[in-house]
Amino acid sequence: MNAVTLPTELWADVDEGTEALVEEWRVKEQDTVTAGQVLGSVVLVKSSHEITAPVAGTVQRICVQVEETFARGTTLIELS
């Protein structure tokens, strides 16, 4: 299982305890994706960031839904 998270470097200058918001998902559970494919976007401190698939696989679970917030290190999507 591959956990998709918001890259650590995007959190570098962000205060501890700050959360990001899932703006949209472009995939759904059981979709097949390719490495580098855009899965969706999130907002962190007023900046939008695309979430891409680190590897090819199948979306097993979307862990954080649209309009939900999440903390540093949270798994957003699980790929197999």
N, C-alpha and C. Protein backbone atom coordinates (compact mmCIF):
# COMPACT_ATOMS: atom_id res chain seq x y z
N MET A 1 0.85 -1.18 0.00
CA MET A 1 0.00 0.00 0.00
C MET A 1 0.89 1.24 0.00
N ASN A 2 0.61 2.19 -0.86
CA ASN A 2 1.33 3.46 -0.93
C ASN A 2 0.45 4.58 -0.40
N ALA A 3 0.93 5.28 0.60
CA ALA A 3 0.20 6.39 1.19
C ALA A 3 0.56 7.67 0.45
N VAL A 4 -0.44 8.40 0.01
CA VAL A 4 -0.24 9.68 -0.65
C VAL A 4 -0.47 10.77 0.38
N THR A 5 0.53 11.63 0.57
CA THR A 5 0.45 12.73 1.54
C THR A 5 0.84 14.03 0.85
N LEU A 6 0.60 15.14 1.52
CA LEU A 6 1.09 16.42 1.03
C LEU A 6 2.59 16.44 1.32
N PRO A 7 3.43 16.68 0.31
CA PRO A 7 4.88 16.62 0.50
C PRO A 7 5.37 17.45 1.70
N THR A 8 6.30 16.89 2.43
CA THR A 8 6.86 17.50 3.63
C THR A 8 7.40 18.90 3.37
N GLU A 9 8.03 19.10 2.22
CA GLU A 9 8.64 20.42 1.95
C GLU A 9 7.60 21.54 1.88
N LEU A 10 6.34 21.22 1.56
CA LEU A 10 5.31 22.25 1.52
C LEU A 10 4.92 22.74 2.91
N TRP A 11 5.22 21.94 3.92
CA TRP A 11 4.92 22.30 5.30
C TRP A 11 6.08 23.04 5.97
N ALA A 12 7.20 23.23 5.27
CA ALA A 12 8.44 23.74 5.86
C ALA A 12 8.27 25.03 6.67
N ASP A 13 7.60 26.03 6.14
CA ASP A 13 7.47 27.31 6.82
C ASP A 13 6.08 27.52 7.43
N VAL A 14 5.37 26.41 7.66
CA VAL A 14 4.02 26.48 8.18
C VAL A 14 4.04 26.20 9.69
N ASP A 15 3.31 27.02 10.43
CA ASP A 15 3.24 26.85 11.89
C ASP A 15 2.67 25.49 12.25
N GLU A 16 3.23 24.90 13.29
CA GLU A 16 2.73 23.62 13.84
C GLU A 16 1.26 23.82 14.20
N GLY A 17 0.43 22.85 13.91
CA GLY A 17 -0.99 22.93 14.23
C GLY A 17 -1.84 23.47 13.09
N THR A 18 -1.20 24.04 12.07
CA THR A 18 -1.94 24.53 10.91
C THR A 18 -2.44 23.33 10.09
N GLU A 19 -3.65 23.43 9.58
CA GLU A 19 -4.20 22.36 8.76
C GLU A 19 -4.42 22.84 7.33
N ALA A 20 -4.42 21.90 6.40
CA ALA A 20 -4.71 22.16 4.99
C ALA A 20 -6.13 21.69 4.70
N LEU A 21 -6.67 22.09 3.55
CA LEU A 21 -8.03 21.77 3.16
C LEU A 21 -8.02 21.06 1.80
N VAL A 22 -8.76 19.97 1.69
CA VAL A 22 -8.91 19.30 0.39
C VAL A 22 -9.89 20.11 -0.43
N GLU A 23 -9.41 20.59 -1.58
CA GLU A 23 -10.21 21.42 -2.48
C GLU A 23 -11.04 20.55 -3.42
N GLU A 24 -10.38 19.53 -4.02
CA GLU A 24 -11.09 18.64 -4.94
C GLU A 24 -10.30 17.35 -5.13
N TRP A 25 -11.01 16.30 -5.49
CA TRP A 25 -10.40 15.05 -5.96
C TRP A 25 -10.81 14.86 -7.40
N ARG A 26 -9.87 14.47 -8.24
CA ARG A 26 -10.15 14.19 -9.65
C ARG A 26 -10.27 12.69 -9.91
N VAL A 27 -10.15 11.92 -8.85
CA VAL A 27 -10.26 10.46 -8.94
C VAL A 27 -11.27 9.99 -7.91
N LYS A 28 -11.68 8.73 -8.06
CA LYS A 28 -12.55 8.11 -7.07
C LYS A 28 -11.98 6.75 -6.71
N GLU A 29 -12.48 6.15 -5.66
CA GLU A 29 -11.99 4.84 -5.25
C GLU A 29 -12.18 3.83 -6.38
N GLN A 30 -11.17 2.99 -6.55
CA GLN A 30 -11.08 1.94 -7.57
C GLN A 30 -10.62 2.45 -8.93
N ASP A 31 -10.36 3.76 -9.08
CA ASP A 31 -9.78 4.28 -10.32
C ASP A 31 -8.33 3.81 -10.44
N THR A 32 -7.90 3.54 -11.67
CA THR A 32 -6.50 3.22 -11.94
C THR A 32 -5.80 4.52 -12.31
N VAL A 33 -4.61 4.74 -11.72
CA VAL A 33 -3.87 5.98 -11.97
C VAL A 33 -2.45 5.66 -12.41
N THR A 34 -1.82 6.63 -13.07
CA THR A 34 -0.43 6.49 -13.49
C THR A 34 0.46 7.35 -12.60
N ALA A 35 1.72 7.01 -12.51
CA ALA A 35 2.67 7.79 -11.73
C ALA A 35 2.70 9.22 -12.27
N GLY A 36 2.60 10.20 -11.38
CA GLY A 36 2.62 11.59 -11.78
C GLY A 36 1.25 12.17 -12.11
N GLN A 37 0.23 11.33 -12.19
CA GLN A 37 -1.12 11.81 -12.49
C GLN A 37 -1.62 12.70 -11.36
N VAL A 38 -2.29 13.79 -11.72
CA VAL A 38 -2.88 14.67 -10.72
C VAL A 38 -4.11 13.98 -10.13
N LEU A 39 -4.11 13.84 -8.81
CA LEU A 39 -5.22 13.19 -8.12
C LEU A 39 -6.23 14.20 -7.60
N GLY A 40 -5.75 15.40 -7.31
CA GLY A 40 -6.63 16.43 -6.77
C GLY A 40 -5.82 17.62 -6.33
N SER A 41 -6.45 18.51 -5.57
CA SER A 41 -5.75 19.69 -5.08
C SER A 41 -6.15 20.01 -3.65
N VAL A 42 -5.22 20.66 -2.96
CA VAL A 42 -5.45 21.07 -1.58
C VAL A 42 -5.01 22.52 -1.43
N VAL A 43 -5.48 23.16 -0.38
CA VAL A 43 -5.09 24.52 -0.06
C VAL A 43 -4.36 24.50 1.28
N LEU A 44 -3.17 25.08 1.28
CA LEU A 44 -2.36 25.21 2.50
C LEU A 44 -1.93 26.66 2.60
N VAL A 45 -2.35 27.34 3.64
CA VAL A 45 -2.03 28.74 3.88
C VAL A 45 -2.27 29.58 2.61
N LYS A 46 -3.48 29.54 2.11
CA LYS A 46 -3.94 30.35 0.97
C LYS A 46 -3.24 30.02 -0.35
N SER A 47 -2.52 28.91 -0.42
CA SER A 47 -1.88 28.47 -1.66
C SER A 47 -2.43 27.12 -2.07
N SER A 48 -2.78 26.99 -3.34
CA SER A 48 -3.30 25.73 -3.86
C SER A 48 -2.15 24.86 -4.36
N HIS A 49 -2.22 23.56 -4.07
CA HIS A 49 -1.18 22.61 -4.47
C HIS A 49 -1.85 21.37 -5.06
N GLU A 50 -1.30 20.88 -6.18
CA GLU A 50 -1.79 19.64 -6.77
C GLU A 50 -1.19 18.46 -6.04
N ILE A 51 -1.99 17.42 -5.86
CA ILE A 51 -1.53 16.16 -5.29
C ILE A 51 -1.38 15.19 -6.45
N THR A 52 -0.20 14.60 -6.58
CA THR A 52 0.05 13.67 -7.69
C THR A 52 0.33 12.27 -7.15
N ALA A 53 0.08 11.30 -7.99
CA ALA A 53 0.34 9.90 -7.63
C ALA A 53 1.84 9.64 -7.67
N PRO A 54 2.42 9.12 -6.58
CA PRO A 54 3.85 8.83 -6.57
C PRO A 54 4.20 7.61 -7.42
N VAL A 55 3.23 6.72 -7.60
CA VAL A 55 3.41 5.49 -8.37
C VAL A 55 2.11 5.18 -9.11
N ALA A 56 2.19 4.29 -10.08
CA ALA A 56 0.98 3.81 -10.74
C ALA A 56 0.27 2.84 -9.81
N GLY A 57 -1.04 2.78 -9.91
CA GLY A 57 -1.78 1.84 -9.08
C GLY A 57 -3.27 2.10 -9.13
N THR A 58 -3.95 1.56 -8.12
CA THR A 58 -5.40 1.70 -7.99
C THR A 58 -5.71 2.44 -6.71
N VAL A 59 -6.63 3.39 -6.78
CA VAL A 59 -7.06 4.13 -5.59
C VAL A 59 -7.87 3.17 -4.71
N GLN A 60 -7.31 2.80 -3.59
CA GLN A 60 -8.00 1.90 -2.67
C GLN A 60 -8.94 2.64 -1.73
N ARG A 61 -8.46 3.83 -1.27
CA ARG A 61 -9.27 4.56 -0.31
C ARG A 61 -8.92 6.05 -0.35
N ILE A 62 -9.94 6.88 -0.34
CA ILE A 62 -9.76 8.31 -0.16
C ILE A 62 -9.98 8.57 1.32
N CYS A 63 -8.92 8.98 1.99
CA CYS A 63 -8.94 9.09 3.45
C CYS A 63 -9.46 10.43 3.97
N VAL A 64 -9.31 11.48 3.17
CA VAL A 64 -9.79 12.82 3.55
C VAL A 64 -10.69 13.31 2.43
N GLN A 65 -11.90 13.63 2.76
CA GLN A 65 -12.90 14.02 1.76
C GLN A 65 -12.79 15.50 1.41
N VAL A 66 -13.41 15.88 0.29
CA VAL A 66 -13.45 17.28 -0.16
C VAL A 66 -14.07 18.14 0.94
N GLU A 67 -13.46 19.31 1.16
CA GLU A 67 -13.88 20.29 2.17
C GLU A 67 -13.48 19.90 3.60
N GLU A 68 -12.79 18.77 3.77
CA GLU A 68 -12.26 18.40 5.08
C GLU A 68 -10.84 18.92 5.22
N THR A 69 -10.43 19.17 6.46
CA THR A 69 -9.08 19.62 6.72
C THR A 69 -8.23 18.46 7.23
N PHE A 70 -6.91 18.64 7.13
CA PHE A 70 -6.00 17.59 7.58
C PHE A 70 -4.70 18.21 8.06
N ALA A 71 -4.01 17.47 8.91
CA ALA A 71 -2.76 17.92 9.51
C ALA A 71 -1.56 17.38 8.74
N ARG A 72 -0.41 17.94 9.03
CA ARG A 72 0.88 17.49 8.48
C ARG A 72 1.01 15.97 8.65
N GLY A 73 1.43 15.28 7.58
CA GLY A 73 1.67 13.85 7.65
C GLY A 73 0.47 12.96 7.45
N THR A 74 -0.72 13.53 7.29
CA THR A 74 -1.94 12.75 7.13
C THR A 74 -1.96 12.05 5.77
N THR A 75 -2.35 10.78 5.75
CA THR A 75 -2.54 10.06 4.49
C THR A 75 -3.82 10.57 3.85
N LEU A 76 -3.71 11.03 2.60
CA LEU A 76 -4.86 11.55 1.87
C LEU A 76 -5.54 10.48 1.05
N ILE A 77 -4.72 9.67 0.37
CA ILE A 77 -5.22 8.58 -0.48
C ILE A 77 -4.31 7.39 -0.30
N GLU A 78 -4.88 6.20 -0.35
CA GLU A 78 -4.10 4.96 -0.33
C GLU A 78 -4.17 4.33 -1.72
N LEU A 79 -3.00 4.03 -2.28
CA LEU A 79 -2.90 3.36 -3.58
C LEU A 79 -2.35 1.95 -3.40
N SER A 80 -2.78 1.04 -4.25
CA SER A 80 -2.17 -0.30 -4.25
C SER A 80 -1.69 -0.63 -5.64
